[in-house]
Amino acid sequence: MIKCHLARLMGEHKMKVMDVARETGLNRNTITLLYKETAQRVDLEAMDKLCDLFNCEVQDLFERIN
């Protein structure tokens, strides 16, 4: 299972879904799906934009849990 830490990162940076959408140019629905951990797939460009925004690595955004 893959766990997404977007909600935690957004909380640490005091950002809302609309803030992330505005800063990254990503669709609001894409961010909401990741935030709620209901996304079935993630575009590499979306991952890159989120990592740029939060100044983090992919492993800070996603974690594989056995």
PDB file of N, CA and C in Angstrom:
ATOM      1  N   MET A   1       0.847  -1.183   0.000  1.00  0.00           N
ATOM      2  CA  MET A   1       0.000   0.000   0.000  1.00  0.00           C
ATOM      3  C   MET A   1       0.890   1.243   0.000  1.00  0.00           C
ATOM      4  N   ILE A   2       0.483   2.255  -0.716  1.00  0.00           N
ATOM      5  CA  ILE A   2       1.212   3.522  -0.776  1.00  0.00           C
ATOM      6  C   ILE A   2       0.460   4.558   0.056  1.00  0.00           C
ATOM      7  N   LYS A   3       1.158   5.187   0.975  1.00  0.00           N
ATOM      8  CA  LYS A   3       0.575   6.248   1.809  1.00  0.00           C
ATOM      9  C   LYS A   3       1.067   7.589   1.288  1.00  0.00           C
ATOM     10  N   CYS A   4       0.140   8.522   1.147  1.00  0.00           N
ATOM     11  CA  CYS A   4       0.484   9.870   0.681  1.00  0.00           C
ATOM     12  C   CYS A   4       0.484  10.816   1.881  1.00  0.00           C
ATOM     13  N   HIS A   5       1.558  11.573   2.012  1.00  0.00           N
ATOM     14  CA  HIS A   5       1.698  12.494   3.144  1.00  0.00           C
ATOM     15  C   HIS A   5       1.367  13.942   2.773  1.00  0.00           C
ATOM     16  N   LEU A   6       0.582  14.125   1.715  1.00  0.00           N
ATOM     17  CA  LEU A   6       0.235  15.478   1.283  1.00  0.00           C
ATOM     18  C   LEU A   6      -0.518  16.239   2.371  1.00  0.00           C
ATOM     19  N   ALA A   7      -1.466  15.586   3.031  1.00  0.00           N
ATOM     20  CA  ALA A   7      -2.242  16.260   4.084  1.00  0.00           C
ATOM     21  C   ALA A   7      -1.322  16.784   5.187  1.00  0.00           C
ATOM     22  N   ARG A   8      -0.344  15.979   5.582  1.00  0.00           N
ATOM     23  CA  ARG A   8       0.595  16.401   6.625  1.00  0.00           C
ATOM     24  C   ARG A   8       1.438  17.577   6.155  1.00  0.00           C
ATOM     25  N   LEU A   9       1.952  17.489   4.928  1.00  0.00           N
ATOM     26  CA  LEU A   9       2.773  18.577   4.387  1.00  0.00           C
ATOM     27  C   LEU A   9       1.968  19.868   4.270  1.00  0.00           C
ATOM     28  N   MET A  10       0.728  19.741   3.816  1.00  0.00           N
ATOM     29  CA  MET A  10      -0.123  20.924   3.707  1.00  0.00           C
ATOM     30  C   MET A  10      -0.373  21.532   5.083  1.00  0.00           C
ATOM     31  N   GLY A  11      -0.595  20.696   6.085  1.00  0.00           N
ATOM     32  CA  GLY A  11      -0.812  21.189   7.444  1.00  0.00           C
ATOM     33  C   GLY A  11       0.409  21.898   7.994  1.00  0.00           C
ATOM     34  N   GLU A  12       1.584  21.321   7.743  1.00  0.00           N
ATOM     35  CA  GLU A  12       2.828  21.934   8.225  1.00  0.00           C
ATOM     36  C   GLU A  12       3.070  23.299   7.578  1.00  0.00           C
ATOM     37  N   HIS A  13       2.626  23.455   6.338  1.00  0.00           N
ATOM     38  CA  HIS A  13       2.817  24.716   5.617  1.00  0.00           C
ATOM     39  C   HIS A  13       1.579  25.611   5.665  1.00  0.00           C
ATOM     40  N   LYS A  14       0.570  25.163   6.429  1.00  0.00           N
ATOM     41  CA  LYS A  14      -0.682  25.907   6.592  1.00  0.00           C
ATOM     42  C   LYS A  14      -1.287  26.276   5.235  1.00  0.00           C
ATOM     43  N   MET A  15      -1.401  25.260   4.377  1.00  0.00           N
ATOM     44  CA  MET A  15      -1.940  25.470   3.038  1.00  0.00           C
ATOM     45  C   MET A  15      -3.252  24.709   2.874  1.00  0.00           C
ATOM     46  N   LYS A  16      -4.139  25.265   2.056  1.00  0.00           N
ATOM     47  CA  LYS A  16      -5.395  24.623   1.705  1.00  0.00           C
ATOM     48  C   LYS A  16      -5.270  24.073   0.293  1.00  0.00           C
ATOM     49  N   VAL A  17      -6.234  23.251  -0.103  1.00  0.00           N
ATOM     50  CA  VAL A  17      -6.221  22.646  -1.435  1.00  0.00           C
ATOM     51  C   VAL A  17      -6.113  23.726  -2.509  1.00  0.00           C
ATOM     52  N   MET A  18      -6.871  24.798  -2.368  1.00  0.00           N
ATOM     53  CA  MET A  18      -6.829  25.867  -3.373  1.00  0.00           C
ATOM     54  C   MET A  18      -5.460  26.546  -3.420  1.00  0.00           C
ATOM     55  N   ASP A  19      -4.795  26.667  -2.290  1.00  0.00           N
ATOM     56  CA  ASP A  19      -3.446  27.250  -2.259  1.00  0.00           C
ATOM     57  C   ASP A  19      -2.484  26.387  -3.067  1.00  0.00           C
ATOM     58  N   VAL A  20      -2.559  25.074  -2.865  1.00  0.00           N
ATOM     59  CA  VAL A  20      -1.676  24.147  -3.581  1.00  0.00           C
ATOM     60  C   VAL A  20      -1.991  24.178  -5.071  1.00  0.00           C
ATOM     61  N   ALA A  21      -3.274  24.208  -5.411  1.00  0.00           N
ATOM     62  CA  ALA A  21      -3.679  24.265  -6.822  1.00  0.00           C
ATOM     63  C   ALA A  21      -3.136  25.530  -7.485  1.00  0.00           C
ATOM     64  N   ARG A  22      -3.258  26.643  -6.815  1.00  0.00           N
ATOM     65  CA  ARG A  22      -2.788  27.919  -7.370  1.00  0.00           C
ATOM     66  C   ARG A  22      -1.270  27.919  -7.542  1.00  0.00           C
ATOM     67  N   GLU A  23      -0.560  27.409  -6.554  1.00  0.00           N
ATOM     68  CA  GLU A  23       0.907  27.435  -6.589  1.00  0.00           C
ATOM     69  C   GLU A  23       1.503  26.445  -7.592  1.00  0.00           C
ATOM     70  N   THR A  24       0.825  25.313  -7.797  1.00  0.00           N
ATOM     71  CA  THR A  24       1.382  24.270  -8.661  1.00  0.00           C
ATOM     72  C   THR A  24       0.776  24.244 -10.052  1.00  0.00           C
ATOM     73  N   GLY A  25      -0.426  24.786 -10.200  1.00  0.00           N
ATOM     74  CA  GLY A  25      -1.126  24.699 -11.468  1.00  0.00           C
ATOM     75  C   GLY A  25      -1.826  23.361 -11.656  1.00  0.00           C
ATOM     76  N   LEU A  26      -1.827  22.531 -10.619  1.00  0.00           N
ATOM     77  CA  LEU A  26      -2.496  21.234 -10.693  1.00  0.00           C
ATOM     78  C   LEU A  26      -3.997  21.411 -10.500  1.00  0.00           C
ATOM     79  N   ASN A  27      -4.751  20.470 -11.055  1.00  0.00           N
ATOM     80  CA  ASN A  27      -6.193  20.479 -10.918  1.00  0.00           C
ATOM     81  C   ASN A  27      -6.566  20.283  -9.449  1.00  0.00           C
ATOM     82  N   ARG A  28      -7.561  21.015  -9.004  1.00  0.00           N
ATOM     83  CA  ARG A  28      -8.012  20.926  -7.608  1.00  0.00           C
ATOM     84  C   ARG A  28      -8.433  19.502  -7.253  1.00  0.00           C
ATOM     85  N   ASN A  29      -9.088  18.815  -8.180  1.00  0.00           N
ATOM     86  CA  ASN A  29      -9.535  17.443  -7.940  1.00  0.00           C
ATOM     87  C   ASN A  29      -8.347  16.505  -7.725  1.00  0.00           C
ATOM     88  N   THR A  30      -7.285  16.697  -8.473  1.00  0.00           N
ATOM     89  CA  THR A  30      -6.075  15.876  -8.315  1.00  0.00           C
ATOM     90  C   THR A  30      -5.526  16.018  -6.900  1.00  0.00           C
ATOM     91  N   ILE A  31      -5.451  17.231  -6.438  1.00  0.00           N
ATOM     92  CA  ILE A  31      -4.924  17.499  -5.096  1.00  0.00           C
ATOM     93  C   ILE A  31      -5.845  16.912  -4.029  1.00  0.00           C
ATOM     94  N   THR A  32      -7.145  17.061  -4.224  1.00  0.00           N
ATOM     95  CA  THR A  32      -8.108  16.526  -3.262  1.00  0.00           C
ATOM     96  C   THR A  32      -7.995  15.007  -3.166  1.00  0.00           C
ATOM     97  N   LEU A  33      -7.855  14.324  -4.308  1.00  0.00           N
ATOM     98  CA  LEU A  33      -7.713  12.864  -4.299  1.00  0.00           C
ATOM     99  C   LEU A  33      -6.453  12.438  -3.553  1.00  0.00           C
ATOM    100  N   LEU A  34      -5.368  13.152  -3.747  1.00  0.00           N
ATOM    101  CA  LEU A  34      -4.132  12.839  -3.024  1.00  0.00           C
ATOM    102  C   LEU A  34      -4.270  13.160  -1.539  1.00  0.00           C
ATOM    103  N   TYR A  35      -4.897  14.281  -1.235  1.00  0.00           N
ATOM    104  CA  TYR A  35      -5.106  14.712   0.147  1.00  0.00           C
ATOM    105  C   TYR A  35      -5.909  13.662   0.924  1.00  0.00           C
ATOM    106  N   LYS A  36      -6.958  13.140   0.288  1.00  0.00           N
ATOM    107  CA  LYS A  36      -7.825  12.148   0.934  1.00  0.00           C
ATOM    108  C   LYS A  36      -7.309  10.725   0.765  1.00  0.00           C
ATOM    109  N   GLU A  37      -6.184  10.577   0.064  1.00  0.00           N
ATOM    110  CA  GLU A  37      -5.571   9.274  -0.204  1.00  0.00           C
ATOM    111  C   GLU A  37      -6.518   8.324  -0.927  1.00  0.00           C
ATOM    112  N   THR A  38      -7.272   8.857  -1.893  1.00  0.00           N
ATOM    113  CA  THR A  38      -8.170   8.041  -2.702  1.00  0.00           C
ATOM    114  C   THR A  38      -7.729   7.982  -4.162  1.00  0.00           C
ATOM    115  N   ALA A  39      -6.607   8.609  -4.485  1.00  0.00           N
ATOM    116  CA  ALA A  39      -6.106   8.605  -5.860  1.00  0.00           C
ATOM    117  C   ALA A  39      -5.679   7.200  -6.256  1.00  0.00           C
ATOM    118  N   GLN A  40      -5.995   6.813  -7.475  1.00  0.00           N
ATOM    119  CA  GLN A  40      -5.612   5.507  -8.005  1.00  0.00           C
ATOM    120  C   GLN A  40      -4.277   5.563  -8.731  1.00  0.00           C
ATOM    121  N   ARG A  41      -3.916   6.743  -9.230  1.00  0.00           N
ATOM    122  CA  ARG A  41      -2.639   6.922  -9.931  1.00  0.00           C
ATOM    123  C   ARG A  41      -2.210   8.381  -9.785  1.00  0.00           C
ATOM    124  N   VAL A  42      -0.906   8.588  -9.939  1.00  0.00           N
ATOM    125  CA  VAL A  42      -0.355   9.936  -9.814  1.00  0.00           C
ATOM    126  C   VAL A  42       0.555  10.191 -11.008  1.00  0.00           C
ATOM    127  N   ASP A  43       0.360  11.313 -11.653  1.00  0.00           N
ATOM    128  CA  ASP A  43       1.177  11.727 -12.775  1.00  0.00           C
ATOM    129  C   ASP A  43       2.554  12.162 -12.265  1.00  0.00           C
ATOM    130  N   LEU A  44       3.606  11.800 -12.997  1.00  0.00           N
ATOM    131  CA  LEU A  44       4.966  12.165 -12.576  1.00  0.00           C
ATOM    132  C   LEU A  44       5.136  13.684 -12.501  1.00  0.00           C
ATOM    133  N   GLU A  45       4.502  14.405 -13.400  1.00  0.00           N
ATOM    134  CA  GLU A  45       4.582  15.865 -13.376  1.00  0.00           C
ATOM    135  C   GLU A  45       3.950  16.428 -12.106  1.00  0.00           C
ATOM    136  N   ALA A  46       2.840  15.821 -11.671  1.00  0.00           N
ATOM    137  CA  ALA A  46       2.182  16.256 -10.431  1.00  0.00           C
ATOM    138  C   ALA A  46       3.094  16.018  -9.238  1.00  0.00           C
ATOM    139  N   MET A  47       3.736  14.852  -9.205  1.00  0.00           N
ATOM    140  CA  MET A  47       4.673  14.558  -8.117  1.00  0.00           C
ATOM    141  C   MET A  47       5.809  15.571  -8.098  1.00  0.00           C
ATOM    142  N   ASP A  48       6.334  15.885  -9.270  1.00  0.00           N
ATOM    143  CA  ASP A  48       7.433  16.837  -9.377  1.00  0.00           C
ATOM    144  C   ASP A  48       7.019  18.218  -8.879  1.00  0.00           C
ATOM    145  N   LYS A  49       5.838  18.669  -9.279  1.00  0.00           N
ATOM    146  CA  LYS A  49       5.356  19.992  -8.846  1.00  0.00           C
ATOM    147  C   LYS A  49       5.130  20.049  -7.336  1.00  0.00           C
ATOM    148  N   LEU A  50       4.599  18.973  -6.774  1.00  0.00           N
ATOM    149  CA  LEU A  50       4.374  18.939  -5.324  1.00  0.00           C
ATOM    150  C   LEU A  50       5.694  18.922  -4.565  1.00  0.00           C
ATOM    151  N   CYS A  51       6.660  18.165  -5.071  1.00  0.00           N
ATOM    152  CA  CYS A  51       7.980  18.136  -4.423  1.00  0.00           C
ATOM    153  C   CYS A  51       8.648  19.508  -4.504  1.00  0.00           C
ATOM    154  N   ASP A  52       8.494  20.194  -5.624  1.00  0.00           N
ATOM    155  CA  ASP A  52       9.039  21.550  -5.756  1.00  0.00           C
ATOM    156  C   ASP A  52       8.376  22.499  -4.763  1.00  0.00           C
ATOM    157  N   LEU A  53       7.055  22.431  -4.677  1.00  0.00           N
ATOM    158  CA  LEU A  53       6.312  23.326  -3.794  1.00  0.00           C
ATOM    159  C   LEU A  53       6.716  23.144  -2.334  1.00  0.00           C
ATOM    160  N   PHE A  54       6.814  21.895  -1.898  1.00  0.00           N
ATOM    161  CA  PHE A  54       7.112  21.621  -0.492  1.00  0.00           C
ATOM    162  C   PHE A  54       8.603  21.426  -0.229  1.00  0.00           C
ATOM    163  N   ASN A  55       9.412  21.618  -1.277  1.00  0.00           N
ATOM    164  CA  ASN A  55      10.863  21.481  -1.162  1.00  0.00           C
ATOM    165  C   ASN A  55      11.212  20.158  -0.477  1.00  0.00           C
ATOM    166  N   CYS A  56      10.675  19.075  -1.042  1.00  0.00           N
ATOM    167  CA  CYS A  56      10.884  17.757  -0.450  1.00  0.00           C
ATOM    168  C   CYS A  56      11.230  16.743  -1.528  1.00  0.00           C
ATOM    169  N   GLU A  57      11.556  15.548  -1.113  1.00  0.00           N
ATOM    170  CA  GLU A  57      11.843  14.446  -2.019  1.00  0.00           C
ATOM    171  C   GLU A  57      10.588  13.578  -2.142  1.00  0.00           C
ATOM    172  N   VAL A  58      10.567  12.729  -3.160  1.00  0.00           N
ATOM    173  CA  VAL A  58       9.409  11.864  -3.393  1.00  0.00           C
ATOM    174  C   VAL A  58       9.111  11.012  -2.155  1.00  0.00           C
ATOM    175  N   GLN A  59      10.148  10.511  -1.510  1.00  0.00           N
ATOM    176  CA  GLN A  59       9.938   9.667  -0.326  1.00  0.00           C
ATOM    177  C   GLN A  59       9.351  10.444   0.854  1.00  0.00           C
ATOM    178  N   ASP A  60       9.416  11.768   0.826  1.00  0.00           N
ATOM    179  CA  ASP A  60       8.769  12.579   1.861  1.00  0.00           C
ATOM    180  C   ASP A  60       7.274  12.712   1.584  1.00  0.00           C
ATOM    181  N   LEU A  61       6.907  12.581   0.307  1.00  0.00           N
ATOM    182  CA  LEU A  61       5.512  12.735  -0.124  1.00  0.00           C
ATOM    183  C   LEU A  61       4.768  11.400  -0.118  1.00  0.00           C
ATOM    184  N   PHE A  62       5.467  10.339  -0.505  1.00  0.00           N
ATOM    185  CA  PHE A  62       4.864   9.008  -0.573  1.00  0.00           C
ATOM    186  C   PHE A  62       5.677   8.005   0.212  1.00  0.00           C
ATOM    187  N   GLU A  63       4.983   7.023   0.808  1.00  0.00           N
ATOM    188  CA  GLU A  63       5.649   5.988   1.579  1.00  0.00           C
ATOM    189  C   GLU A  63       4.983   4.652   1.259  1.00  0.00           C
ATOM    190  N   ARG A  64       5.789   3.641   1.055  1.00  0.00           N
ATOM    191  CA  ARG A  64       5.245   2.297   0.820  1.00  0.00           C
ATOM    192  C   ARG A  64       5.159   1.563   2.148  1.00  0.00           C
ATOM    193  N   ILE A  65       3.948   1.112   2.468  1.00  0.00           N
ATOM    194  CA  ILE A  65       3.696   0.404   3.718  1.00  0.00           C
ATOM    195  C   ILE A  65       3.341  -1.034   3.391  1.00  0.00           C
ATOM    196  N   ASN A  66       4.011  -1.963   4.042  1.00  0.00           N
ATOM    197  CA  ASN A  66       3.740  -3.398   3.787  1.00  0.00           C
ATOM    198  C   ASN A  66       2.512  -3.864   4.529  1.00  0.00           C
TER     199      ASN A  66
END
